[in-house]
C-alpha atoms as a PDB file:
ATOM      1  CA  MET A   1      -0.353   0.352   0.070  1.00  0.00           C
ATOM      2  CA  SER A   2       1.105   3.511  -0.898  1.00  0.00           C
ATOM      3  CA  SER A   3       2.265   6.383   1.335  1.00  0.00           C
ATOM      4  CA  PHE A   4      -1.197   8.053  -0.463  1.00  0.00           C
ATOM      5  CA  GLY A   5      -3.043   5.345   0.353  1.00  0.00           C
ATOM      6  CA  LEU A   6      -2.099   5.129   3.728  1.00  0.00           C
ATOM      7  CA  VAL A   7      -2.895   9.079   4.508  1.00  0.00           C
ATOM      8  CA  TYR A   8      -6.220   8.657   2.409  1.00  0.00           C
ATOM      9  CA  THR A   9      -7.402   5.694   4.067  1.00  0.00           C
ATOM     10  CA  PHE A  10      -6.626   6.847   7.753  1.00  0.00           C
ATOM     11  CA  PHE A  11      -6.643  10.400   7.851  1.00  0.00           C
ATOM     12  CA  VAL A  12      -9.014  11.540   5.115  1.00  0.00           C
ATOM     13  CA  THR A  13     -11.762   8.976   6.256  1.00  0.00           C
ATOM     14  CA  ILE A  14     -11.525  10.127   9.468  1.00  0.00           C
ATOM     15  CA  ILE A  15     -11.510  13.471   9.234  1.00  0.00           C
ATOM     16  CA  SER A  16     -14.641  13.449   6.690  1.00  0.00           C
ATOM     17  CA  ILE A  17     -16.721  10.511   9.275  1.00  0.00           C
ATOM     18  CA  TYR A  18     -16.161  13.217  12.210  1.00  0.00           C
ATOM     19  CA  THR A  19     -17.318  16.620  10.466  1.00  0.00           C
ATOM     20  CA  GLY A  20     -19.468  14.741   8.316  1.00  0.00           C
ATOM     21  CA  MET A  21     -17.941  16.422   4.940  1.00  0.00           C
ATOM     22  CA  ASN A  22     -17.235  14.950   2.169  1.00  0.00           C
ATOM     23  CA  ILE A  23     -13.359  16.199   2.011  1.00  0.00           C
ATOM     24  CA  ASN A  24     -12.498  13.651  -1.450  1.00  0.00           C
ATOM     25  CA  TYR A  25     -13.275  17.001  -3.531  1.00  0.00           C
ATOM     26  CA  MET A  26     -10.369  18.874  -1.670  1.00  0.00           C
ATOM     27  CA  LEU A  27      -8.287  16.346  -2.374  1.00  0.00           C
ATOM     28  CA  SER A  28      -9.105  15.341  -6.194  1.00  0.00           C
ATOM     29  CA  PRO A  29     -11.355  17.279  -7.909  1.00  0.00           C
ATOM     30  CA  PRO A  30     -14.154  15.293 -10.348  1.00  0.00           C
ATOM     31  CA  LEU A  31     -13.465  16.543 -14.394  1.00  0.00           C
ATOM     32  CA  ALA A  32     -16.007  18.915 -14.415  1.00  0.00           C
ATOM     33  CA  PHE A  33     -14.548  20.893 -11.195  1.00  0.00           C
ATOM     34  CA  ALA A  34     -10.856  19.999 -12.850  1.00  0.00           C
ATOM     35  CA  GLU A  35     -11.651  22.344 -15.789  1.00  0.00           C
ATOM     36  CA  ILE A  36     -12.202  25.468 -13.308  1.00  0.00           C
ATOM     37  CA  GLY A  37      -8.430  25.403 -12.575  1.00  0.00           C
ATOM     38  CA  ASP A  38      -6.804  25.925  -9.234  1.00  0.00           C
ATOM     39  CA  ASN A  39      -8.919  28.056  -7.717  1.00  0.00           C
ATOM     40  CA  TYR A  40     -11.838  24.787  -7.114  1.00  0.00           C
ATOM     41  CA  ARG A  41     -11.805  24.373  -4.205  1.00  0.00           C
ATOM     42  CA  VAL A  42     -12.353  28.815  -3.095  1.00  0.00           C
ATOM     43  CA  LEU A  43     -15.127  28.211  -5.781  1.00  0.00           C
ATOM     44  CA  SER A  44     -16.367  25.027  -3.927  1.00  0.00           C
ATOM     45  CA  VAL A  45     -16.272  26.841  -0.530  1.00  0.00           C
ATOM     46  CA  ALA A  46     -18.092  29.667  -1.543  1.00  0.00           C
ATOM     47  CA  ALA A  47     -21.056  28.210  -3.757  1.00  0.00           C
ATOM     48  CA  ILE A  48     -21.376  25.445  -0.802  1.00  0.00           C
ATOM     49  CA  GLY A  49     -21.323  28.635   1.696  1.00  0.00           C
ATOM     50  CA  LEU A  50     -24.006  30.485  -0.577  1.00  0.00           C
ATOM     51  CA  LEU A  51     -26.290  27.102  -1.039  1.00  0.00           C
ATOM     52  CA  PHE A  52     -26.310  26.945   3.213  1.00  0.00           C
ATOM     53  CA  ALA A  53     -27.508  30.634   3.579  1.00  0.00           C
ATOM     54  CA  VAL A  54     -30.022  30.279   1.426  1.00  0.00           C
ATOM     55  CA  SER A  55     -31.494  26.757   2.511  1.00  0.00           C
ATOM     56  CA  ARG A  56     -30.972  27.908   6.069  1.00  0.00           C
ATOM     57  CA  LEU A  57     -32.997  31.420   5.147  1.00  0.00           C
ATOM     58  CA  ALA A  58     -35.571  29.460   3.170  1.00  0.00           C
ATOM     59  CA  CYS A  59     -35.865  26.970   6.249  1.00  0.00           C
ATOM     60  CA  ALA A  60     -36.336  30.071   8.615  1.00  0.00           C
ATOM     61  CA  LEU A  61     -39.237  31.318   6.711  1.00  0.00           C
ATOM     62  CA  VAL A  62     -40.904  28.546   6.170  1.00  0.00           C
ATOM     63  CA  SER A  63     -40.920  27.379   9.852  1.00  0.00           C
ATOM     64  CA  MET A  64     -42.000  31.223  10.304  1.00  0.00           C
ATOM     65  CA  LEU A  65     -44.990  31.343   7.604  1.00  0.00           C
ATOM     66  CA  ILE A  66     -46.641  28.223   8.966  1.00  0.00           C
ATOM     67  CA  PRO A  67     -47.697  27.593  12.393  1.00  0.00           C
ATOM     68  CA  GLY A  68     -46.768  24.680  14.261  1.00  0.00           C
ATOM     69  CA  ILE A  69     -43.662  23.762  12.795  1.00  0.00           C
ATOM     70  CA  SER A  70     -41.324  24.682  15.210  1.00  0.00           C
ATOM     71  CA  ASP A  71     -41.266  25.829  18.701  1.00  0.00           C
ATOM     72  CA  ARG A  72     -42.005  29.468  18.767  1.00  0.00           C
ATOM     73  CA  GLY A  73     -44.868  28.434  16.887  1.00  0.00           C
ATOM     74  CA  LEU A  74     -46.203  25.502  18.790  1.00  0.00           C
ATOM     75  CA  GLU A  75     -45.722  28.062  21.504  1.00  0.00           C
ATOM     76  CA  LYS A  76     -48.063  30.794  19.854  1.00  0.00           C
ATOM     77  CA  GLU A  77     -50.624  28.438  18.950  1.00  0.00           C
ATOM     78  CA  LYS A  78     -51.081  27.398  22.758  1.00  0.00           C
ATOM     79  CA  GLU A  79     -51.029  30.758  23.962  1.00  0.00           C
ATOM     80  CA  LYS A  80     -54.530  31.385  20.757  1.00  0.00           C
ATOM     81  CA  LYS A  81     -56.223  28.083  22.690  1.00  0.00           C
ATOM     82  CA  LYS A  82     -55.664  29.825  26.230  1.00  0.00           C
ATOM     83  CA  LYS A  83     -56.810  32.909  25.143  1.00  0.00           C
ATOM     84  CA  LYS A  84     -60.071  31.555  23.352  1.00  0.00           C
ATOM     85  CA  LYS A  85     -60.830  29.162  26.398  1.00  0.00           C
ATOM     86  CA  LYS A  86     -60.407  32.266  28.498  1.00  0.00           C
ATOM     87  CA  LYS A  87     -62.798  33.870  26.654  1.00  0.00           C
END
């Protein structure tokens, strides 16, 4: 087994499992990213960061718009029910 195989098997796999991220693309890009050049790592990190922010915003908006989907929504629904019972 080559030194690359040892490093990849133990170091990269353990870090990937621990962080929950696929760092294989950082070591060896797929063919589509290889055409971008040496800056594919920077571009991929920026793209993933942007996608994460957009998806987080979308989830936050959905949880605010649909009552009962989050803890805050459940609390508001309980308060409304209590107010209706008092009347």
